[in-house]
Amino acid sequence: MYLGDYIVIDEKIDTYRFLCSSVSTGTSFEAVVDADKQSLFDNLDFLLDKPHACSFLRPAGDGRVVCTIHETSPFQCKSYRCIIMEIYTKYNNRIGYITGTMALHSEDKTLRSIYENGMKTVPDSISEKEEWLAQYIAGNGYTIR
C-alpha cells in the first residue's frame, strides 16, 4: 500500500503509459496500465483518500485493492507478497491475516498472544517460518488459508 513512497512517476507518456523510477533500487521502468484494469485506474478517489499509496493501486470493488500495472510492475512489487495466510475461527470467521513481512493483522487478543508466543520460537529460514507458523497457529484451533 505504501509503495507510493518508493515508486515515482517521472513522466506521463499517454493516458495509460508512464516512465517511472523505483526509489529503493534507483532503476527506471515503463509502467503500462493493464488493459483489463483501465476503468479501475481512471477512478482517482482512492488516491485522494490514501495519498501515500502507490499511484497504481485501485479498489477492485470487492474489498480488494489491486495493482493496475501488474504485468509491467517493477521487481520490488513482483517479489512482494501481500498476504501469505488468512486465519479463521472454527466457525469460519476470518479474524486475521499475516503479510509477507510476517506481520499479524488482527484485533483478536487470543490470536495475538498465540502469534507472539510462536514468533519467539519460529525457525530462522523464511520458507520454514511461514510453514511452521501456519502449523503452529492451526495447532491452536484456527484454520489457515
N, C-alpha and C. Protein backbone atom coordinates (compact mmCIF):
# COMPACT_ATOMS: atom_id res chain seq x y z
N MET A 1 0.82 -1.19 0.00
CA MET A 1 0.00 0.00 0.00
C MET A 1 0.87 1.26 0.00
N TYR A 2 1.99 1.22 0.70
CA TYR A 2 2.79 2.43 0.84
C TYR A 2 3.95 2.50 -0.14
N LEU A 3 3.91 1.70 -1.20
CA LEU A 3 4.96 1.78 -2.20
C LEU A 3 4.91 3.08 -2.98
N GLY A 4 3.90 3.90 -2.73
CA GLY A 4 3.85 5.22 -3.34
C GLY A 4 5.03 6.07 -2.91
N ASP A 5 5.63 5.72 -1.77
CA ASP A 5 6.83 6.41 -1.32
C ASP A 5 8.07 5.90 -2.05
N TYR A 6 7.96 4.79 -2.78
CA TYR A 6 9.10 4.17 -3.43
C TYR A 6 9.01 4.13 -4.95
N ILE A 7 7.82 4.31 -5.48
CA ILE A 7 7.64 4.33 -6.93
C ILE A 7 7.20 5.74 -7.32
N VAL A 8 7.98 6.36 -8.19
CA VAL A 8 7.71 7.73 -8.59
C VAL A 8 7.39 7.78 -10.07
N ILE A 9 6.32 8.46 -10.43
CA ILE A 9 6.01 8.68 -11.84
C ILE A 9 6.84 9.88 -12.29
N ASP A 10 7.77 9.64 -13.21
CA ASP A 10 8.64 10.71 -13.71
C ASP A 10 8.02 11.44 -14.89
N GLU A 11 7.28 10.69 -15.71
CA GLU A 11 6.69 11.29 -16.91
C GLU A 11 5.48 10.49 -17.37
N LYS A 12 4.43 11.20 -17.75
CA LYS A 12 3.25 10.56 -18.32
C LYS A 12 3.42 10.54 -19.83
N ILE A 13 3.48 9.36 -20.42
CA ILE A 13 3.66 9.22 -21.87
C ILE A 13 2.33 9.39 -22.57
N ASP A 14 1.33 8.70 -22.08
CA ASP A 14 -0.05 8.87 -22.55
C ASP A 14 -0.97 8.44 -21.42
N THR A 15 -2.23 8.29 -21.68
CA THR A 15 -3.22 8.02 -20.63
C THR A 15 -2.87 6.84 -19.75
N TYR A 16 -2.33 5.77 -20.33
CA TYR A 16 -2.07 4.56 -19.57
C TYR A 16 -0.61 4.10 -19.62
N ARG A 17 0.31 4.97 -19.99
CA ARG A 17 1.75 4.64 -20.04
C ARG A 17 2.54 5.72 -19.32
N PHE A 18 3.50 5.27 -18.50
CA PHE A 18 4.27 6.20 -17.67
C PHE A 18 5.72 5.74 -17.58
N LEU A 19 6.63 6.71 -17.51
CA LEU A 19 8.02 6.42 -17.16
C LEU A 19 8.12 6.62 -15.66
N CYS A 20 8.65 5.61 -14.97
CA CYS A 20 8.69 5.64 -13.51
C CYS A 20 10.08 5.29 -13.00
N SER A 21 10.29 5.57 -11.72
CA SER A 21 11.54 5.22 -11.04
C SER A 21 11.21 4.45 -9.77
N SER A 22 12.05 3.47 -9.49
CA SER A 22 11.99 2.77 -8.20
C SER A 22 13.01 3.46 -7.31
N VAL A 23 12.54 4.17 -6.33
CA VAL A 23 13.43 4.93 -5.46
C VAL A 23 14.39 4.01 -4.72
N SER A 24 13.88 2.87 -4.23
CA SER A 24 14.73 1.98 -3.43
C SER A 24 15.84 1.31 -4.24
N THR A 25 15.62 1.08 -5.54
CA THR A 25 16.63 0.41 -6.36
C THR A 25 17.35 1.37 -7.31
N GLY A 26 16.80 2.57 -7.49
CA GLY A 26 17.41 3.53 -8.40
C GLY A 26 17.24 3.17 -9.86
N THR A 27 16.29 2.32 -10.17
CA THR A 27 16.08 1.90 -11.55
C THR A 27 14.83 2.54 -12.14
N SER A 28 14.83 2.65 -13.44
CA SER A 28 13.68 3.20 -14.16
C SER A 28 12.93 2.06 -14.84
N PHE A 29 11.64 2.27 -15.05
CA PHE A 29 10.84 1.28 -15.77
C PHE A 29 9.66 1.98 -16.40
N GLU A 30 9.10 1.34 -17.43
CA GLU A 30 7.89 1.86 -18.06
C GLU A 30 6.71 1.11 -17.49
N ALA A 31 5.76 1.84 -16.94
CA ALA A 31 4.54 1.25 -16.38
C ALA A 31 3.42 1.41 -17.39
N VAL A 32 2.76 0.31 -17.70
CA VAL A 32 1.62 0.33 -18.61
C VAL A 32 0.43 -0.25 -17.85
N VAL A 33 -0.64 0.51 -17.78
CA VAL A 33 -1.84 0.04 -17.08
C VAL A 33 -2.41 -1.15 -17.85
N ASP A 34 -2.64 -2.25 -17.14
CA ASP A 34 -3.20 -3.46 -17.76
C ASP A 34 -4.54 -3.12 -18.41
N ALA A 35 -4.77 -3.63 -19.60
CA ALA A 35 -5.98 -3.32 -20.36
C ALA A 35 -7.26 -3.62 -19.57
N ASP A 36 -7.25 -4.71 -18.81
CA ASP A 36 -8.45 -5.08 -18.05
C ASP A 36 -8.64 -4.26 -16.77
N LYS A 37 -7.70 -3.36 -16.48
CA LYS A 37 -7.79 -2.55 -15.27
C LYS A 37 -7.86 -1.04 -15.55
N GLN A 38 -7.99 -0.68 -16.81
CA GLN A 38 -8.01 0.74 -17.17
C GLN A 38 -9.19 1.48 -16.55
N SER A 39 -10.35 0.85 -16.49
CA SER A 39 -11.50 1.54 -15.90
C SER A 39 -11.29 1.75 -14.40
N LEU A 40 -10.64 0.81 -13.72
CA LEU A 40 -10.30 1.00 -12.31
C LEU A 40 -9.31 2.15 -12.15
N PHE A 41 -8.31 2.18 -13.02
CA PHE A 41 -7.27 3.20 -12.95
C PHE A 41 -7.84 4.61 -13.13
N ASP A 42 -8.89 4.74 -13.92
CA ASP A 42 -9.49 6.05 -14.19
C ASP A 42 -10.09 6.70 -12.94
N ASN A 43 -10.43 5.90 -11.93
CA ASN A 43 -11.02 6.42 -10.71
C ASN A 43 -9.91 6.85 -9.74
N LEU A 44 -9.80 8.15 -9.49
CA LEU A 44 -8.74 8.70 -8.65
C LEU A 44 -9.14 8.89 -7.19
N ASP A 45 -10.36 8.55 -6.82
CA ASP A 45 -10.84 8.75 -5.45
C ASP A 45 -9.95 8.07 -4.41
N PHE A 46 -9.48 6.87 -4.72
CA PHE A 46 -8.65 6.11 -3.79
C PHE A 46 -7.39 6.90 -3.41
N LEU A 47 -6.76 7.53 -4.40
CA LEU A 47 -5.52 8.27 -4.14
C LEU A 47 -5.76 9.52 -3.30
N LEU A 48 -6.94 10.09 -3.41
CA LEU A 48 -7.27 11.25 -2.58
C LEU A 48 -7.40 10.83 -1.12
N ASP A 49 -7.95 9.64 -0.91
CA ASP A 49 -8.14 9.11 0.44
C ASP A 49 -6.85 8.54 1.02
N LYS A 50 -5.97 8.02 0.17
CA LYS A 50 -4.72 7.38 0.60
C LYS A 50 -3.54 8.00 -0.15
N PRO A 51 -3.12 9.21 0.24
CA PRO A 51 -2.10 9.93 -0.53
C PRO A 51 -0.73 9.27 -0.57
N HIS A 52 -0.43 8.34 0.33
CA HIS A 52 0.87 7.67 0.31
C HIS A 52 0.83 6.32 -0.40
N ALA A 53 -0.33 5.96 -0.88
CA ALA A 53 -0.45 4.69 -1.60
C ALA A 53 0.23 4.79 -2.96
N CYS A 54 0.62 3.66 -3.47
CA CYS A 54 1.19 3.62 -4.82
C CYS A 54 0.17 4.20 -5.79
N SER A 55 0.64 5.01 -6.72
CA SER A 55 -0.23 5.66 -7.71
C SER A 55 -0.96 4.69 -8.61
N PHE A 56 -0.55 3.43 -8.61
CA PHE A 56 -1.15 2.44 -9.50
C PHE A 56 -2.09 1.47 -8.79
N LEU A 57 -2.33 1.67 -7.51
CA LEU A 57 -3.29 0.83 -6.79
C LEU A 57 -4.69 1.41 -6.90
N ARG A 58 -5.68 0.51 -6.99
CA ARG A 58 -7.08 0.93 -7.04
C ARG A 58 -7.95 -0.13 -6.39
N PRO A 59 -9.08 0.28 -5.78
CA PRO A 59 -10.01 -0.71 -5.24
C PRO A 59 -10.70 -1.47 -6.37
N ALA A 60 -10.84 -2.78 -6.18
CA ALA A 60 -11.46 -3.62 -7.21
C ALA A 60 -12.97 -3.67 -7.07
N GLY A 61 -13.50 -3.13 -5.97
CA GLY A 61 -14.94 -3.13 -5.77
C GLY A 61 -15.45 -4.31 -4.98
N ASP A 62 -14.55 -5.24 -4.63
CA ASP A 62 -14.95 -6.41 -3.85
C ASP A 62 -14.18 -6.50 -2.53
N GLY A 63 -13.66 -5.36 -2.09
CA GLY A 63 -12.90 -5.33 -0.85
C GLY A 63 -11.40 -5.44 -1.05
N ARG A 64 -10.97 -5.83 -2.24
CA ARG A 64 -9.54 -5.94 -2.53
C ARG A 64 -9.03 -4.64 -3.15
N VAL A 65 -7.73 -4.39 -2.98
CA VAL A 65 -7.05 -3.32 -3.68
C VAL A 65 -6.09 -4.00 -4.64
N VAL A 66 -6.13 -3.62 -5.92
CA VAL A 66 -5.32 -4.31 -6.92
C VAL A 66 -4.31 -3.37 -7.57
N CYS A 67 -3.25 -3.98 -8.07
CA CYS A 67 -2.25 -3.26 -8.84
C CYS A 67 -2.74 -3.17 -10.28
N THR A 68 -2.79 -1.97 -10.82
CA THR A 68 -3.28 -1.80 -12.19
C THR A 68 -2.18 -1.96 -13.23
N ILE A 69 -0.93 -2.10 -12.79
CA ILE A 69 0.20 -2.31 -13.72
C ILE A 69 0.87 -3.65 -13.46
N HIS A 70 0.10 -4.62 -13.04
CA HIS A 70 0.66 -5.90 -12.63
C HIS A 70 1.64 -6.48 -13.65
N GLU A 71 1.30 -6.41 -14.93
CA GLU A 71 2.17 -7.01 -15.96
C GLU A 71 3.49 -6.28 -16.12
N THR A 72 3.54 -4.98 -15.84
CA THR A 72 4.78 -4.21 -16.02
C THR A 72 5.33 -3.66 -14.71
N SER A 73 4.82 -4.15 -13.59
CA SER A 73 5.29 -3.65 -12.29
C SER A 73 6.77 -4.00 -12.09
N PRO A 74 7.48 -3.18 -11.30
CA PRO A 74 8.91 -3.42 -11.08
C PRO A 74 9.16 -4.64 -10.19
N PHE A 75 10.39 -5.08 -10.15
CA PHE A 75 10.78 -6.28 -9.39
C PHE A 75 10.37 -6.18 -7.93
N GLN A 76 10.55 -5.02 -7.31
CA GLN A 76 10.23 -4.90 -5.89
C GLN A 76 8.75 -5.22 -5.63
N CYS A 77 7.90 -4.93 -6.57
CA CYS A 77 6.48 -5.24 -6.42
C CYS A 77 6.20 -6.72 -6.69
N LYS A 78 6.83 -7.24 -7.74
CA LYS A 78 6.60 -8.64 -8.10
C LYS A 78 7.09 -9.57 -7.01
N SER A 79 8.11 -9.18 -6.27
CA SER A 79 8.66 -10.05 -5.23
C SER A 79 7.95 -9.88 -3.89
N TYR A 80 7.10 -8.87 -3.76
CA TYR A 80 6.41 -8.63 -2.50
C TYR A 80 5.16 -9.49 -2.42
N ARG A 81 4.97 -10.15 -1.32
CA ARG A 81 3.79 -10.99 -1.09
C ARG A 81 2.91 -10.28 -0.08
N CYS A 82 1.76 -9.85 -0.50
CA CYS A 82 0.86 -9.08 0.37
C CYS A 82 0.37 -9.90 1.55
N ILE A 83 -0.45 -10.88 1.30
CA ILE A 83 -0.99 -11.71 2.37
C ILE A 83 -0.53 -13.14 2.13
N ILE A 84 0.16 -13.70 3.11
CA ILE A 84 0.66 -15.07 2.95
C ILE A 84 -0.25 -16.09 3.61
N MET A 85 -1.07 -15.65 4.58
CA MET A 85 -2.06 -16.57 5.15
C MET A 85 -3.18 -15.78 5.81
N GLU A 86 -4.37 -16.34 5.68
CA GLU A 86 -5.54 -15.80 6.35
C GLU A 86 -5.90 -16.76 7.48
N ILE A 87 -6.39 -16.21 8.59
CA ILE A 87 -6.67 -17.01 9.77
C ILE A 87 -8.16 -16.93 10.09
N TYR A 88 -8.77 -18.12 10.26
CA TYR A 88 -10.21 -18.22 10.50
C TYR A 88 -10.48 -18.98 11.80
N THR A 89 -11.59 -18.65 12.45
CA THR A 89 -12.02 -19.38 13.63
C THR A 89 -12.65 -20.70 13.20
N LYS A 90 -12.97 -21.54 14.19
CA LYS A 90 -13.63 -22.81 13.87
C LYS A 90 -15.02 -22.60 13.29
N TYR A 91 -15.54 -21.37 13.41
CA TYR A 91 -16.85 -21.03 12.84
C TYR A 91 -16.71 -20.37 11.46
N ASN A 92 -15.50 -20.44 10.90
CA ASN A 92 -15.20 -19.92 9.58
C ASN A 92 -15.29 -18.40 9.48
N ASN A 93 -15.02 -17.70 10.57
CA ASN A 93 -14.95 -16.24 10.58
C ASN A 93 -13.49 -15.82 10.47
N ARG A 94 -13.18 -14.99 9.49
CA ARG A 94 -11.80 -14.51 9.36
C ARG A 94 -11.53 -13.53 10.49
N ILE A 95 -10.47 -13.83 11.27
CA ILE A 95 -10.14 -12.93 12.38
C ILE A 95 -8.75 -12.32 12.24
N GLY A 96 -8.05 -12.65 11.17
CA GLY A 96 -6.74 -12.04 10.98
C GLY A 96 -6.05 -12.55 9.74
N TYR A 97 -4.93 -11.92 9.45
CA TYR A 97 -4.09 -12.36 8.33
C TYR A 97 -2.65 -11.97 8.62
N ILE A 98 -1.74 -12.66 7.93
CA ILE A 98 -0.31 -12.40 8.07
C ILE A 98 0.21 -11.98 6.71
N THR A 99 0.97 -10.88 6.69
CA THR A 99 1.51 -10.36 5.44
C THR A 99 2.88 -10.95 5.14
N GLY A 100 3.41 -10.63 3.97
CA GLY A 100 4.71 -11.11 3.54
C GLY A 100 5.85 -10.68 4.43
N THR A 101 5.64 -9.68 5.26
CA THR A 101 6.67 -9.26 6.22
C THR A 101 6.52 -10.01 7.55
N MET A 102 5.64 -11.00 7.56
CA MET A 102 5.35 -11.83 8.74
C MET A 102 4.66 -11.05 9.86
N ALA A 103 3.96 -9.99 9.51
CA ALA A 103 3.22 -9.19 10.49
C ALA A 103 1.78 -9.69 10.58
N LEU A 104 1.30 -9.86 11.82
CA LEU A 104 -0.08 -10.26 12.04
C LEU A 104 -0.97 -9.03 12.07
N HIS A 105 -2.09 -9.11 11.39
CA HIS A 105 -3.10 -8.05 11.40
C HIS A 105 -4.37 -8.65 11.98
N SER A 106 -4.62 -8.35 13.25
CA SER A 106 -5.79 -8.88 13.95
C SER A 106 -6.01 -8.09 15.23
N GLU A 107 -7.26 -7.94 15.59
CA GLU A 107 -7.63 -7.30 16.85
C GLU A 107 -7.89 -8.34 17.93
N ASP A 108 -7.89 -9.63 17.56
CA ASP A 108 -8.21 -10.70 18.49
C ASP A 108 -7.04 -10.93 19.46
N LYS A 109 -7.27 -10.71 20.76
CA LYS A 109 -6.21 -10.79 21.77
C LYS A 109 -5.64 -12.20 21.90
N THR A 110 -6.50 -13.19 21.82
CA THR A 110 -6.03 -14.57 21.93
C THR A 110 -5.12 -14.92 20.77
N LEU A 111 -5.54 -14.59 19.56
CA LEU A 111 -4.72 -14.86 18.38
C LEU A 111 -3.41 -14.10 18.46
N ARG A 112 -3.44 -12.85 18.89
CA ARG A 112 -2.21 -12.06 19.01
C ARG A 112 -1.23 -12.72 19.99
N SER A 113 -1.75 -13.24 21.08
CA SER A 113 -0.90 -13.91 22.07
C SER A 113 -0.27 -15.17 21.49
N ILE A 114 -1.07 -15.97 20.79
CA ILE A 114 -0.56 -17.19 20.15
C ILE A 114 0.52 -16.82 19.13
N TYR A 115 0.25 -15.81 18.32
CA TYR A 115 1.22 -15.36 17.31
C TYR A 115 2.53 -14.91 17.98
N GLU A 116 2.43 -14.07 19.00
CA GLU A 116 3.63 -13.55 19.67
C GLU A 116 4.45 -14.68 20.32
N ASN A 117 3.77 -15.65 20.93
CA ASN A 117 4.49 -16.79 21.51
C ASN A 117 5.15 -17.61 20.41
N GLY A 118 4.44 -17.80 19.30
CA GLY A 118 5.00 -18.55 18.19
C GLY A 118 6.21 -17.87 17.57
N MET A 119 6.16 -16.56 17.44
CA MET A 119 7.27 -15.83 16.82
C MET A 119 8.54 -15.89 17.66
N LYS A 120 8.41 -16.17 18.94
CA LYS A 120 9.60 -16.29 19.81
C LYS A 120 10.39 -17.56 19.52
N THR A 121 9.72 -18.58 18.96
CA THR A 121 10.38 -19.87 18.75
C THR A 121 10.43 -20.30 17.29
N VAL A 122 9.98 -19.47 16.38
CA VAL A 122 9.93 -19.84 14.97
C VAL A 122 11.35 -19.96 14.39
N PRO A 123 11.61 -20.93 13.50
CA PRO A 123 12.93 -21.08 12.87
C PRO A 123 13.33 -19.85 12.03
N ASP A 124 14.61 -19.71 11.75
CA ASP A 124 15.13 -18.56 11.02
C ASP A 124 14.81 -18.56 9.53
N SER A 125 14.75 -19.71 8.90
CA SER A 125 14.53 -19.79 7.46
C SER A 125 13.15 -19.25 7.09
N ILE A 126 13.08 -18.36 6.09
CA ILE A 126 11.82 -17.74 5.69
C ILE A 126 10.78 -18.79 5.30
N SER A 127 11.13 -19.72 4.41
CA SER A 127 10.14 -20.71 3.97
C SER A 127 9.69 -21.57 5.13
N GLU A 128 10.62 -21.97 5.98
CA GLU A 128 10.25 -22.74 7.16
C GLU A 128 9.40 -21.92 8.12
N LYS A 129 9.70 -20.64 8.20
CA LYS A 129 8.98 -19.76 9.12
C LYS A 129 7.50 -19.71 8.76
N GLU A 130 7.19 -19.53 7.50
CA GLU A 130 5.80 -19.46 7.06
C GLU A 130 5.07 -20.76 7.34
N GLU A 131 5.67 -21.87 6.93
CA GLU A 131 5.05 -23.17 7.12
C GLU A 131 4.91 -23.49 8.61
N TRP A 132 5.97 -23.26 9.36
CA TRP A 132 5.96 -23.54 10.79
C TRP A 132 4.89 -22.71 11.50
N LEU A 133 4.83 -21.42 11.18
CA LEU A 133 3.86 -20.54 11.83
C LEU A 133 2.43 -20.95 11.48
N ALA A 134 2.19 -21.33 10.24
CA ALA A 134 0.86 -21.79 9.84
C ALA A 134 0.46 -23.03 10.62
N GLN A 135 1.37 -23.97 10.76
CA GLN A 135 1.08 -25.19 11.53
C GLN A 135 0.90 -24.87 13.01
N TYR A 136 1.69 -23.96 13.52
CA TYR A 136 1.59 -23.57 14.93
C TYR A 136 0.24 -22.94 15.24
N ILE A 137 -0.19 -22.03 14.39
CA ILE A 137 -1.48 -21.36 14.60
C ILE A 137 -2.63 -22.35 14.41
N ALA A 138 -2.52 -23.20 13.38
CA ALA A 138 -3.55 -24.23 13.15
C ALA A 138 -3.63 -25.19 14.34
N GLY A 139 -2.50 -25.50 14.92
CA GLY A 139 -2.46 -26.38 16.08
C GLY A 139 -3.12 -25.80 17.31
N ASN A 140 -3.39 -24.50 17.27
CA ASN A 140 -4.06 -23.82 18.36
C ASN A 140 -5.55 -23.59 18.06
N GLY A 141 -6.09 -24.35 17.09
CA GLY A 141 -7.51 -24.33 16.84
C GLY A 141 -8.03 -23.43 15.73
N TYR A 142 -7.13 -22.87 14.94
CA TYR A 142 -7.54 -21.99 13.86
C TYR A 142 -7.39 -22.68 12.51
N THR A 143 -8.10 -22.19 11.52
CA THR A 143 -7.96 -22.68 10.15
C THR A 143 -7.14 -21.66 9.37
N ILE A 144 -6.18 -22.16 8.61
CA ILE A 144 -5.29 -21.30 7.81
C ILE A 144 -5.62 -21.49 6.34
N ARG A 145 -5.72 -20.40 5.61
CA ARG A 145 -5.93 -20.47 4.15
C ARG A 145 -4.89 -19.61 3.48
